[in-house]
PDB file of N, CA and C in Angstrom:
ATOM      1  N   UNK A   1      23.549   2.766   1.015  1.00  0.00           N
ATOM      2  CA  UNK A   1      22.576   1.809   1.492  1.00  0.00           C
ATOM      3  C   UNK A   1      21.942   1.135   0.280  1.00  0.00           C
ATOM      4  N   UNK A   2      22.157  -0.159   0.113  1.00  0.00           N
ATOM      5  CA  UNK A   2      21.541  -0.933  -0.972  1.00  0.00           C
ATOM      6  C   UNK A   2      20.336  -1.677  -0.417  1.00  0.00           C
ATOM      7  N   UNK A   3      19.253  -1.700  -1.175  1.00  0.00           N
ATOM      8  CA  UNK A   3      18.035  -2.341  -0.706  1.00  0.00           C
ATOM      9  C   UNK A   3      18.006  -3.827  -1.010  1.00  0.00           C
ATOM     10  N   UNK A   4      18.711  -4.256  -2.027  1.00  0.00           N
ATOM     11  CA  UNK A   4      18.781  -5.671  -2.352  1.00  0.00           C
ATOM     12  C   UNK A   4      19.994  -5.905  -3.226  1.00  0.00           C
ATOM     13  N   UNK A   5      20.313  -7.174  -3.477  1.00  0.00           N
ATOM     14  CA  UNK A   5      21.512  -7.499  -4.229  1.00  0.00           C
ATOM     15  C   UNK A   5      21.367  -7.129  -5.701  1.00  0.00           C
ATOM     16  N   UNK A   6      22.480  -7.062  -6.385  1.00  0.00           N
ATOM     17  CA  UNK A   6      22.518  -6.668  -7.788  1.00  0.00           C
ATOM     18  C   UNK A   6      21.651  -7.564  -8.666  1.00  0.00           C
ATOM     19  N   UNK A   7      21.661  -8.891  -8.424  1.00  0.00           N
ATOM     20  CA  UNK A   7      20.935  -9.795  -9.308  1.00  0.00           C
ATOM     21  C   UNK A   7      19.416  -9.635  -9.231  1.00  0.00           C
ATOM     22  N   UNK A   8      18.922  -8.977  -8.194  1.00  0.00           N
ATOM     23  CA  UNK A   8      17.487  -8.787  -8.047  1.00  0.00           C
ATOM     24  C   UNK A   8      17.052  -7.352  -8.362  1.00  0.00           C
ATOM     25  N   UNK A   9      17.893  -6.602  -9.042  1.00  0.00           N
ATOM     26  CA  UNK A   9      17.566  -5.217  -9.369  1.00  0.00           C
ATOM     27  C   UNK A   9      16.385  -5.183 -10.334  1.00  0.00           C
ATOM     28  N   UNK A  10      15.454  -4.297 -10.055  1.00  0.00           N
ATOM     29  CA  UNK A  10      14.255  -4.150 -10.890  1.00  0.00           C
ATOM     30  C   UNK A  10      14.565  -3.225 -12.066  1.00  0.00           C
ATOM     31  N   UNK A  11      13.807  -3.355 -13.139  1.00  0.00           N
ATOM     32  CA  UNK A  11      13.996  -2.432 -14.257  1.00  0.00           C
ATOM     33  C   UNK A  11      13.642  -1.008 -13.863  1.00  0.00           C
ATOM     34  N   UNK A  12      14.133  -0.071 -14.630  1.00  0.00           N
ATOM     35  CA  UNK A  12      13.865   1.343 -14.368  1.00  0.00           C
ATOM     36  C   UNK A  12      12.373   1.644 -14.424  1.00  0.00           C
ATOM     37  N   UNK A  13      11.954   2.615 -13.632  1.00  0.00           N
ATOM     38  CA  UNK A  13      10.602   3.129 -13.735  1.00  0.00           C
ATOM     39  C   UNK A  13       9.554   2.472 -12.867  1.00  0.00           C
ATOM     40  N   UNK A  14       9.942   1.585 -11.961  1.00  0.00           N
ATOM     41  CA  UNK A  14       8.957   0.999 -11.055  1.00  0.00           C
ATOM     42  C   UNK A  14       8.683   1.985  -9.928  1.00  0.00           C
ATOM     43  N   UNK A  15       7.427   2.244  -9.679  1.00  0.00           N
ATOM     44  CA  UNK A  15       7.040   3.204  -8.651  1.00  0.00           C
ATOM     45  C   UNK A  15       6.808   2.511  -7.318  1.00  0.00           C
ATOM     46  N   UNK A  16       7.181   3.186  -6.255  1.00  0.00           N
ATOM     47  CA  UNK A  16       6.814   2.798  -4.897  1.00  0.00           C
ATOM     48  C   UNK A  16       5.993   3.955  -4.364  1.00  0.00           C
ATOM     49  N   UNK A  17       4.763   3.656  -3.975  1.00  0.00           N
ATOM     50  CA  UNK A  17       3.888   4.701  -3.461  1.00  0.00           C
ATOM     51  C   UNK A  17       4.224   4.935  -2.005  1.00  0.00           C
ATOM     52  N   UNK A  18       4.569   6.167  -1.672  1.00  0.00           N
ATOM     53  CA  UNK A  18       4.993   6.503  -0.320  1.00  0.00           C
ATOM     54  C   UNK A  18       3.910   7.151   0.505  1.00  0.00           C
ATOM     55  N   UNK A  19       4.176   7.210   1.792  1.00  0.00           N
ATOM     56  CA  UNK A  19       3.265   7.855   2.727  1.00  0.00           C
ATOM     57  C   UNK A  19       3.385   9.364   2.572  1.00  0.00           C
ATOM     58  N   UNK A  20       2.283  10.058   2.770  1.00  0.00           N
ATOM     59  CA  UNK A  20       2.295  11.517   2.631  1.00  0.00           C
ATOM     60  C   UNK A  20       3.240  12.179   3.630  1.00  0.00           C
ATOM     61  N   UNK A  21       3.491  11.542   4.750  1.00  0.00           N
ATOM     62  CA  UNK A  21       4.355  12.119   5.770  1.00  0.00           C
ATOM     63  C   UNK A  21       5.835  11.950   5.469  1.00  0.00           C
ATOM     64  N   UNK A  22       6.177  11.239   4.397  1.00  0.00           N
ATOM     65  CA  UNK A  22       7.575  10.999   4.052  1.00  0.00           C
ATOM     66  C   UNK A  22       8.237  12.291   3.590  1.00  0.00           C
ATOM     67  N   UNK A  23       9.398  12.595   4.177  1.00  0.00           N
ATOM     68  CA  UNK A  23      10.107  13.800   3.751  1.00  0.00           C
ATOM     69  C   UNK A  23      11.584  13.527   3.473  1.00  0.00           C
ATOM     70  N   UNK A  24      12.136  12.417   3.944  1.00  0.00           N
ATOM     71  CA  UNK A  24      13.568  12.157   3.875  1.00  0.00           C
ATOM     72  C   UNK A  24      14.103  11.925   2.477  1.00  0.00           C
ATOM     73  N   UNK A  25      15.344  12.281   2.274  1.00  0.00           N
ATOM     74  CA  UNK A  25      15.992  12.140   0.980  1.00  0.00           C
ATOM     75  C   UNK A  25      16.833  10.867   0.903  1.00  0.00           C
ATOM     76  N   UNK A  26      17.256  10.345   2.030  1.00  0.00           N
ATOM     77  CA  UNK A  26      18.141   9.173   2.058  1.00  0.00           C
ATOM     78  C   UNK A  26      17.479   7.951   1.407  1.00  0.00           C
ATOM     79  N   UNK A  27      16.249   7.643   1.818  1.00  0.00           N
ATOM     80  CA  UNK A  27      15.535   6.509   1.238  1.00  0.00           C
ATOM     81  C   UNK A  27      15.253   6.755  -0.239  1.00  0.00           C
ATOM     82  N   UNK A  28      14.876   7.970  -0.572  1.00  0.00           N
ATOM     83  CA  UNK A  28      14.606   8.330  -1.967  1.00  0.00           C
ATOM     84  C   UNK A  28      15.826   8.041  -2.835  1.00  0.00           C
ATOM     85  N   UNK A  29      17.011   8.429  -2.377  1.00  0.00           N
ATOM     86  CA  UNK A  29      18.244   8.207  -3.135  1.00  0.00           C
ATOM     87  C   UNK A  29      18.576   6.726  -3.252  1.00  0.00           C
ATOM     88  N   UNK A  30      18.386   5.971  -2.156  1.00  0.00           N
ATOM     89  CA  UNK A  30      18.669   4.534  -2.169  1.00  0.00           C
ATOM     90  C   UNK A  30      17.741   3.810  -3.147  1.00  0.00           C
ATOM     91  N   UNK A  31      16.491   4.192  -3.158  1.00  0.00           N
ATOM     92  CA  UNK A  31      15.539   3.577  -4.087  1.00  0.00           C
ATOM     93  C   UNK A  31      15.875   3.926  -5.533  1.00  0.00           C
ATOM     94  N   UNK A  32      16.306   5.155  -5.754  1.00  0.00           N
ATOM     95  CA  UNK A  32      16.655   5.602  -7.104  1.00  0.00           C
ATOM     96  C   UNK A  32      17.832   4.796  -7.650  1.00  0.00           C
ATOM     97  N   UNK A  33      18.810   4.521  -6.794  1.00  0.00           N
ATOM     98  CA  UNK A  33      19.963   3.713  -7.197  1.00  0.00           C
ATOM     99  C   UNK A  33      19.509   2.332  -7.656  1.00  0.00           C
ATOM    100  N   UNK A  34      18.486   1.789  -6.987  1.00  0.00           N
ATOM    101  CA  UNK A  34      17.978   0.457  -7.318  1.00  0.00           C
ATOM    102  C   UNK A  34      16.957   0.468  -8.455  1.00  0.00           C
ATOM    103  N   UNK A  35      16.716   1.635  -9.054  1.00  0.00           N
ATOM    104  CA  UNK A  35      15.829   1.709 -10.204  1.00  0.00           C
ATOM    105  C   UNK A  35      14.371   1.978  -9.885  1.00  0.00           C
ATOM    106  N   UNK A  36      14.091   2.346  -8.644  1.00  0.00           N
ATOM    107  CA  UNK A  36      12.714   2.638  -8.250  1.00  0.00           C
ATOM    108  C   UNK A  36      12.481   4.145  -8.216  1.00  0.00           C
ATOM    109  N   UNK A  37      11.240   4.525  -8.356  1.00  0.00           N
ATOM    110  CA  UNK A  37      10.852   5.918  -8.215  1.00  0.00           C
ATOM    111  C   UNK A  37       9.924   6.002  -7.015  1.00  0.00           C
ATOM    112  N   UNK A  38      10.343   6.710  -5.976  1.00  0.00           N
ATOM    113  CA  UNK A  38       9.501   6.894  -4.801  1.00  0.00           C
ATOM    114  C   UNK A  38       8.534   8.020  -5.103  1.00  0.00           C
ATOM    115  N   UNK A  39       7.246   7.725  -5.018  1.00  0.00           N
ATOM    116  CA  UNK A  39       6.237   8.723  -5.336  1.00  0.00           C
ATOM    117  C   UNK A  39       5.373   8.984  -4.120  1.00  0.00           C
ATOM    118  N   UNK A  40       5.254  10.239  -3.773  1.00  0.00           N
ATOM    119  CA  UNK A  40       4.328  10.662  -2.722  1.00  0.00           C
ATOM    120  C   UNK A  40       3.476  11.777  -3.309  1.00  0.00           C
ATOM    121  N   UNK A  41       2.242  11.912  -2.853  1.00  0.00           N
ATOM    122  CA  UNK A  41       1.416  13.003  -3.377  1.00  0.00           C
ATOM    123  C   UNK A  41       2.098  14.351  -3.167  1.00  0.00           C
ATOM    124  N   UNK A  42       2.054  15.182  -4.177  1.00  0.00           N
ATOM    125  CA  UNK A  42       2.668  16.506  -4.115  1.00  0.00           C
ATOM    126  C   UNK A  42       1.912  17.392  -3.134  1.00  0.00           C
ATOM    127  N   UNK A  43       2.688  18.066  -2.291  1.00  0.00           N
ATOM    128  CA  UNK A  43       2.104  19.047  -1.369  1.00  0.00           C
ATOM    129  C   UNK A  43       2.887  20.342  -1.503  1.00  0.00           C
ATOM    130  N   UNK A  44       2.231  21.435  -1.205  1.00  0.00           N
ATOM    131  CA  UNK A  44       2.861  22.748  -1.370  1.00  0.00           C
ATOM    132  C   UNK A  44       4.096  22.930  -0.500  1.00  0.00           C
ATOM    133  N   UNK A  45       4.134  22.288   0.675  1.00  0.00           N
ATOM    134  CA  UNK A  45       5.258  22.499   1.579  1.00  0.00           C
ATOM    135  C   UNK A  45       6.430  21.551   1.313  1.00  0.00           C
ATOM    136  N   UNK A  46       6.397  20.793   0.229  1.00  0.00           N
ATOM    137  CA  UNK A  46       7.492  19.880  -0.094  1.00  0.00           C
ATOM    138  C   UNK A  46       8.590  20.666  -0.803  1.00  0.00           C
ATOM    139  N   UNK A  47       9.733  20.782  -0.145  1.00  0.00           N
ATOM    140  CA  UNK A  47      10.841  21.546  -0.715  1.00  0.00           C
ATOM    141  C   UNK A  47      11.449  20.797  -1.896  1.00  0.00           C
ATOM    142  N   UNK A  48      11.641  21.501  -2.977  1.00  0.00           N
ATOM    143  CA  UNK A  48      12.298  20.936  -4.152  1.00  0.00           C
ATOM    144  C   UNK A  48      11.452  19.947  -4.932  1.00  0.00           C
ATOM    145  N   UNK A  49      10.189  19.827  -4.630  1.00  0.00           N
ATOM    146  CA  UNK A  49       9.331  18.887  -5.348  1.00  0.00           C
ATOM    147  C   UNK A  49       9.082  19.395  -6.758  1.00  0.00           C
ATOM    148  N   UNK A  50       9.340  18.522  -7.727  1.00  0.00           N
ATOM    149  CA  UNK A  50       9.160  18.918  -9.115  1.00  0.00           C
ATOM    150  C   UNK A  50       8.096  18.070  -9.802  1.00  0.00           C
ATOM    151  N   UNK A  51       7.809  16.910  -9.220  1.00  0.00           N
ATOM    152  CA  UNK A  51       6.908  15.974  -9.876  1.00  0.00           C
ATOM    153  C   UNK A  51       5.458  16.228  -9.467  1.00  0.00           C
ATOM    154  N   UNK A  52       4.608  16.583 -10.404  1.00  0.00           N
ATOM    155  CA  UNK A  52       3.197  16.808 -10.059  1.00  0.00           C
ATOM    156  C   UNK A  52       2.492  15.477  -9.799  1.00  0.00           C
ATOM    157  N   UNK A  53       1.315  15.546  -9.224  1.00  0.00           N
ATOM    158  CA  UNK A  53       0.527  14.344  -8.983  1.00  0.00           C
ATOM    159  C   UNK A  53       0.149  13.694 -10.310  1.00  0.00           C
ATOM    160  N   UNK A  54       0.266  12.389 -10.357  1.00  0.00           N
ATOM    161  CA  UNK A  54      -0.118  11.645 -11.546  1.00  0.00           C
ATOM    162  C   UNK A  54      -1.448  10.962 -11.267  1.00  0.00           C
ATOM    163  N   UNK A  55      -2.380  11.126 -12.175  1.00  0.00           N
ATOM    164  CA  UNK A  55      -3.736  10.600 -11.973  1.00  0.00           C
ATOM    165  C   UNK A  55      -3.749   9.099 -11.703  1.00  0.00           C
ATOM    166  N   UNK A  56      -2.982   8.336 -12.482  1.00  0.00           N
ATOM    167  CA  UNK A  56      -2.982   6.881 -12.334  1.00  0.00           C
ATOM    168  C   UNK A  56      -2.482   6.474 -10.951  1.00  0.00           C
ATOM    169  N   UNK A  57      -1.409   7.118 -10.508  1.00  0.00           N
ATOM    170  CA  UNK A  57      -0.853   6.788  -9.195  1.00  0.00           C
ATOM    171  C   UNK A  57      -1.785   7.230  -8.080  1.00  0.00           C
ATOM    172  N   UNK A  58      -2.443   8.362  -8.270  1.00  0.00           N
ATOM    173  CA  UNK A  58      -3.410   8.821  -7.262  1.00  0.00           C
ATOM    174  C   UNK A  58      -4.560   7.821  -7.145  1.00  0.00           C
ATOM    175  N   UNK A  59      -5.013   7.277  -8.265  1.00  0.00           N
ATOM    176  CA  UNK A  59      -6.108   6.302  -8.248  1.00  0.00           C
ATOM    177  C   UNK A  59      -5.679   5.021  -7.543  1.00  0.00           C
ATOM    178  N   UNK A  60      -4.468   4.556  -7.824  1.00  0.00           N
ATOM    179  CA  UNK A  60      -3.960   3.351  -7.163  1.00  0.00           C
ATOM    180  C   UNK A  60      -3.827   3.596  -5.668  1.00  0.00           C
ATOM    181  N   UNK A  61      -3.271   4.725  -5.307  1.00  0.00           N
ATOM    182  CA  UNK A  61      -3.100   5.053  -3.890  1.00  0.00           C
ATOM    183  C   UNK A  61      -4.451   5.135  -3.183  1.00  0.00           C
ATOM    184  N   UNK A  62      -5.429   5.724  -3.819  1.00  0.00           N
ATOM    185  CA  UNK A  62      -6.768   5.834  -3.229  1.00  0.00           C
ATOM    186  C   UNK A  62      -7.354   4.435  -2.977  1.00  0.00           C
ATOM    187  N   UNK A  63      -7.166   3.521  -3.928  1.00  0.00           N
ATOM    188  CA  UNK A  63      -7.644   2.148  -3.763  1.00  0.00           C
ATOM    189  C   UNK A  63      -6.948   1.471  -2.591  1.00  0.00           C
ATOM    190  N   UNK A  64      -5.634   1.618  -2.510  1.00  0.00           N
ATOM    191  CA  UNK A  64      -4.867   1.013  -1.415  1.00  0.00           C
ATOM    192  C   UNK A  64      -5.333   1.563  -0.075  1.00  0.00           C
ATOM    193  N   UNK A  65      -5.472   2.872   0.013  1.00  0.00           N
ATOM    194  CA  UNK A  65      -5.911   3.488   1.268  1.00  0.00           C
ATOM    195  C   UNK A  65      -7.314   3.028   1.652  1.00  0.00           C
ATOM    196  N   UNK A  66      -8.187   2.854   0.665  1.00  0.00           N
ATOM    197  CA  UNK A  66      -9.547   2.382   0.941  1.00  0.00           C
ATOM    198  C   UNK A  66      -9.537   0.964   1.493  1.00  0.00           C
ATOM    199  N   UNK A  67      -8.728   0.100   0.891  1.00  0.00           N
ATOM    200  CA  UNK A  67      -8.630  -1.284   1.367  1.00  0.00           C
ATOM    201  C   UNK A  67      -8.062  -1.310   2.778  1.00  0.00           C
ATOM    202  N   UNK A  68      -7.007  -0.531   3.034  1.00  0.00           N
ATOM    203  CA  UNK A  68      -6.433  -0.480   4.384  1.00  0.00           C
ATOM    204  C   UNK A  68      -7.459  -0.004   5.404  1.00  0.00           C
ATOM    205  N   UNK A  69      -8.275   0.961   5.029  1.00  0.00           N
ATOM    206  CA  UNK A  69      -9.297   1.472   5.934  1.00  0.00           C
ATOM    207  C   UNK A  69     -10.308   0.384   6.300  1.00  0.00           C
ATOM    208  N   UNK A  70     -10.733  -0.395   5.309  1.00  0.00           N
ATOM    209  CA  UNK A  70     -11.688  -1.477   5.580  1.00  0.00           C
ATOM    210  C   UNK A  70     -11.034  -2.566   6.427  1.00  0.00           C
ATOM    211  N   UNK A  71      -9.786  -2.928   6.118  1.00  0.00           N
ATOM    212  CA  UNK A  71      -9.086  -3.939   6.917  1.00  0.00           C
ATOM    213  C   UNK A  71      -8.924  -3.470   8.358  1.00  0.00           C
ATOM    214  N   UNK A  72      -8.669  -2.195   8.530  1.00  0.00           N
ATOM    215  CA  UNK A  72      -8.581  -1.629   9.878  1.00  0.00           C
ATOM    216  C   UNK A  72      -9.928  -1.750  10.588  1.00  0.00           C
ATOM    217  N   UNK A  73     -11.015  -1.482   9.870  1.00  0.00           N
ATOM    218  CA  UNK A  73     -12.366  -1.610  10.426  1.00  0.00           C
ATOM    219  C   UNK A  73     -12.619  -3.050  10.876  1.00  0.00           C
ATOM    220  N   UNK A  74     -12.120  -4.021  10.110  1.00  0.00           N
ATOM    221  CA  UNK A  74     -12.290  -5.435  10.457  1.00  0.00           C
ATOM    222  C   UNK A  74     -11.353  -5.881  11.580  1.00  0.00           C
ATOM    223  N   UNK A  75     -10.479  -5.001  12.036  1.00  0.00           N
ATOM    224  CA  UNK A  75      -9.653  -5.288  13.200  1.00  0.00           C
ATOM    225  C   UNK A  75      -8.264  -5.811  12.924  1.00  0.00           C
ATOM    226  N   UNK A  76      -7.734  -5.571  11.750  1.00  0.00           N
ATOM    227  CA  UNK A  76      -6.421  -6.118  11.400  1.00  0.00           C
ATOM    228  C   UNK A  76      -5.293  -5.525  12.242  1.00  0.00           C
ATOM    229  N   UNK A  77      -5.510  -4.341  12.809  1.00  0.00           N
ATOM    230  CA  UNK A  77      -4.464  -3.710  13.627  1.00  0.00           C
ATOM    231  C   UNK A  77      -4.500  -4.158  15.084  1.00  0.00           C
ATOM    232  N   UNK A  78      -5.550  -4.827  15.481  1.00  0.00           N
ATOM    233  CA  UNK A  78      -5.707  -5.190  16.893  1.00  0.00           C
ATOM    234  C   UNK A  78      -5.870  -6.687  17.090  1.00  0.00           C
ATOM    235  N   UNK A  79      -5.050  -7.468  16.432  1.00  0.00           N
ATOM    236  CA  UNK A  79      -5.146  -8.919  16.534  1.00  0.00           C
ATOM    237  C   UNK A  79      -4.481  -9.379  17.828  1.00  0.00           C
ATOM    238  N   UNK A  80      -5.240 -10.106  18.624  1.00  0.00           N
ATOM    239  CA  UNK A  80      -4.713 -10.699  19.847  1.00  0.00           C
ATOM    240  C   UNK A  80      -4.601 -12.196  19.612  1.00  0.00           C
ATOM    241  N   UNK A  81      -3.391 -12.677  19.442  1.00  0.00           N
ATOM    242  CA  UNK A  81      -3.170 -14.095  19.178  1.00  0.00           C
ATOM    243  C   UNK A  81      -2.077 -14.606  20.106  1.00  0.00           C
ATOM    244  N   UNK A  82      -2.181 -15.861  20.466  1.00  0.00           N
ATOM    245  CA  UNK A  82      -1.189 -16.469  21.362  1.00  0.00           C
ATOM    246  C   UNK A  82      -0.066 -17.158  20.608  1.00  0.00           C
ATOM    247  N   UNK A  83      -0.214 -17.286  19.314  1.00  0.00           N
ATOM    248  CA  UNK A  83       0.818 -17.955  18.523  1.00  0.00           C
ATOM    249  C   UNK A  83       0.877 -17.328  17.134  1.00  0.00           C
ATOM    250  N   UNK A  84       1.936 -17.658  16.414  1.00  0.00           N
ATOM    251  CA  UNK A  84       2.076 -17.179  15.042  1.00  0.00           C
ATOM    252  C   UNK A  84       0.960 -17.772  14.182  1.00  0.00           C
ATOM    253  N   UNK A  85       0.646 -19.055  14.412  1.00  0.00           N
ATOM    254  CA  UNK A  85      -0.440 -19.688  13.656  1.00  0.00           C
ATOM    255  C   UNK A  85      -1.772 -18.992  13.911  1.00  0.00           C
ATOM    256  N   UNK A  86      -2.031 -18.651  15.168  1.00  0.00           N
ATOM    257  CA  UNK A  86      -3.259 -17.944  15.506  1.00  0.00           C
ATOM    258  C   UNK A  86      -3.322 -16.581  14.845  1.00  0.00           C
ATOM    259  N   UNK A  87      -2.182 -15.897  14.820  1.00  0.00           N
ATOM    260  CA  UNK A  87      -2.097 -14.592  14.155  1.00  0.00           C
ATOM    261  C   UNK A  87      -2.384 -14.742  12.667  1.00  0.00           C
ATOM    262  N   UNK A  88      -1.722 -15.726  12.042  1.00  0.00           N
ATOM    263  CA  UNK A  88      -1.901 -15.949  10.607  1.00  0.00           C
ATOM    264  C   UNK A  88      -3.351 -16.294  10.285  1.00  0.00           C
ATOM    265  N   UNK A  89      -3.962 -17.153  11.078  1.00  0.00           N
ATOM    266  CA  UNK A  89      -5.359 -17.525  10.834  1.00  0.00           C
ATOM    267  C   UNK A  89      -6.281 -16.314  10.937  1.00  0.00           C
ATOM    268  N   UNK A  90      -6.028 -15.468  11.908  1.00  0.00           N
ATOM    269  CA  UNK A  90      -6.862 -14.273  12.071  1.00  0.00           C
ATOM    270  C   UNK A  90      -6.704 -13.331  10.886  1.00  0.00           C
ATOM    271  N   UNK A  91      -5.471 -13.138  10.429  1.00  0.00           N
ATOM    272  CA  UNK A  91      -5.234 -12.286   9.250  1.00  0.00           C
ATOM    273  C   UNK A  91      -5.950 -12.878   8.040  1.00  0.00           C
ATOM    274  N   UNK A  92      -5.838 -14.198   7.860  1.00  0.00           N
ATOM    275  CA  UNK A  92      -6.493 -14.843   6.722  1.00  0.00           C
ATOM    276  C   UNK A  92      -8.013 -14.686   6.787  1.00  0.00           C
ATOM    277  N   UNK A  93      -8.586 -14.804   7.973  1.00  0.00           N
ATOM    278  CA  UNK A  93     -10.035 -14.640   8.135  1.00  0.00           C
ATOM    279  C   UNK A  93     -10.456 -13.211   7.802  1.00  0.00           C
ATOM    280  N   UNK A  94      -9.675 -12.242   8.260  1.00  0.00           N
ATOM    281  CA  UNK A  94      -9.998 -10.836   7.982  1.00  0.00           C
ATOM    282  C   UNK A  94      -9.915 -10.549   6.487  1.00  0.00           C
ATOM    283  N   UNK A  95      -8.870 -11.038   5.831  1.00  0.00           N
ATOM    284  CA  UNK A  95      -8.721 -10.816   4.388  1.00  0.00           C
ATOM    285  C   UNK A  95      -9.829 -11.546   3.623  1.00  0.00           C
ATOM    286  N   UNK A  96     -10.163 -12.760   4.044  1.00  0.00           N
ATOM    287  CA  UNK A  96     -11.263 -13.496   3.414  1.00  0.00           C
ATOM    288  C   UNK A  96     -12.581 -12.740   3.577  1.00  0.00           C
ATOM    289  N   UNK A  97     -12.820 -12.213   4.773  1.00  0.00           N
ATOM    290  CA  UNK A  97     -14.028 -11.423   5.021  1.00  0.00           C
ATOM    291  C   UNK A  97     -14.080 -10.218   4.090  1.00  0.00           C
ATOM    292  N   UNK A  98     -12.948  -9.537   3.951  1.00  0.00           N
ATOM    293  CA  UNK A  98     -12.890  -8.388   3.042  1.00  0.00           C
ATOM    294  C   UNK A  98     -13.209  -8.820   1.610  1.00  0.00           C
ATOM    295  N   UNK A  99     -12.579  -9.914   1.155  1.00  0.00           N
ATOM    296  CA  UNK A  99     -12.784 -10.369  -0.223  1.00  0.00           C
ATOM    297  C   UNK A  99     -14.244 -10.740  -0.494  1.00  0.00           C
ATOM    298  N   UNK A 100     -14.861 -11.452   0.443  1.00  0.00           N
ATOM    299  CA  UNK A 100     -16.272 -11.819   0.278  1.00  0.00           C
ATOM    300  C   UNK A 100     -17.138 -10.563   0.238  1.00  0.00           C
ATOM    301  N   UNK A 101     -16.871  -9.637   1.134  1.00  0.00           N
ATOM    302  CA  UNK A 101     -17.618  -8.382   1.162  1.00  0.00           C
ATOM    303  C   UNK A 101     -17.466  -7.621  -0.153  1.00  0.00           C
ATOM    304  N   UNK A 102     -16.256  -7.569  -0.667  1.00  0.00           N
ATOM    305  CA  UNK A 102     -15.987  -6.876  -1.927  1.00  0.00           C
ATOM    306  C   UNK A 102     -16.773  -7.508  -3.072  1.00  0.00           C
ATOM    307  N   UNK A 103     -16.735  -8.838  -3.160  1.00  0.00           N
ATOM    308  CA  UNK A 103     -17.432  -9.540  -4.239  1.00  0.00           C
ATOM    309  C   UNK A 103     -18.937  -9.309  -4.150  1.00  0.00           C
ATOM    310  N   UNK A 104     -19.475  -9.390  -2.942  1.00  0.00           N
ATOM    311  CA  UNK A 104     -20.915  -9.176  -2.767  1.00  0.00           C
ATOM    312  C   UNK A 104     -21.318  -7.765  -3.184  1.00  0.00           C
ATOM    313  N   UNK A 105     -20.504  -6.789  -2.835  1.00  0.00           N
ATOM    314  CA  UNK A 105     -20.805  -5.409  -3.223  1.00  0.00           C
ATOM    315  C   UNK A 105     -20.593  -5.184  -4.716  1.00  0.00           C
ATOM    316  N   UNK A 106     -19.529  -5.737  -5.236  1.00  0.00           N
ATOM    317  CA  UNK A 106     -19.172  -5.543  -6.649  1.00  0.00           C
ATOM    318  C   UNK A 106     -20.254  -6.067  -7.579  1.00  0.00           C
ATOM    319  N   UNK A 107     -20.795  -7.226  -7.232  1.00  0.00           N
ATOM    320  CA  UNK A 107     -21.793  -7.852  -8.093  1.00  0.00           C
ATOM    321  C   UNK A 107     -23.213  -7.669  -7.570  1.00  0.00           C
ATOM    322  N   UNK A 108     -23.356  -6.751  -6.619  1.00  0.00           N
ATOM    323  CA  UNK A 108     -24.654  -6.386  -6.059  1.00  0.00           C
ATOM    324  C   UNK A 108     -25.482  -7.614  -5.691  1.00  0.00           C
ATOM    325  N   UNK A 109     -24.821  -8.551  -5.032  1.00  0.00           N
ATOM    326  CA  UNK A 109     -25.475  -9.788  -4.620  1.00  0.00           C
ATOM    327  C   UNK A 109     -26.299  -9.539  -3.366  1.00  0.00           C
ATOM    328  N   UNK A 110     -27.479 -10.133  -3.339  1.00  0.00           N
ATOM    329  CA  UNK A 110     -28.330 -10.003  -2.163  1.00  0.00           C
ATOM    330  C   UNK A 110     -28.939 -11.361  -1.831  1.00  0.00           C
ATOM    331  N   UNK A 111     -28.956 -11.693  -0.549  1.00  0.00           N
ATOM    332  CA  UNK A 111     -29.549 -12.943  -0.101  1.00  0.00           C
ATOM    333  C   UNK A 111     -31.075 -12.854  -0.064  1.00  0.00           C
ATOM    334  N   UNK A 112     -31.614 -11.663  -0.154  1.00  0.00           N
ATOM    335  CA  UNK A 112     -33.040 -11.457   0.069  1.00  0.00           C
ATOM    336  C   UNK A 112     -33.841 -11.265  -1.211  1.00  0.00           C
ATOM    337  N   UNK A 113     -33.277 -11.526  -2.365  1.00  0.00           N
ATOM    338  CA  UNK A 113     -34.021 -11.382  -3.632  1.00  0.00           C
ATOM    339  C   UNK A 113     -34.703 -12.665  -4.005  1.00  0.00           C
TER     340      UNK A 113
END
C-alpha cells in the first residue's frame, strides 16, 4: 500500500502524530516505506513498543488536542448546513472565532480597561 507517488515522497524523519487507540501495523509499515514515522504515545499495553515518549512530540500533541477540544466546544462536529458553501462558511466562522479568542487570551486583551 503506497500513500502517494514516488515524486512526492517526503524526506526521512517526518513524524505523523497518531491517535492513542491506534494499534495496527499495516499503516505503520506503509508510512515507514514513505519515509514517515508514525508516533503514538507509549502505553504499557503496546506490544513490541520500543520508542519512549518524546517531550517535543508530547507538547505538540497536547496543543493539537487542546485546539480540537475548543473547536469541538464551538460546534465544529455538529455543523448543520444545506450546502457545501454553507458548511465551509460555518467552519471558517468557527476557526475565526477560535483565532480571535486565542489572540484575546494570549495578549490579555480586555474591552473593559
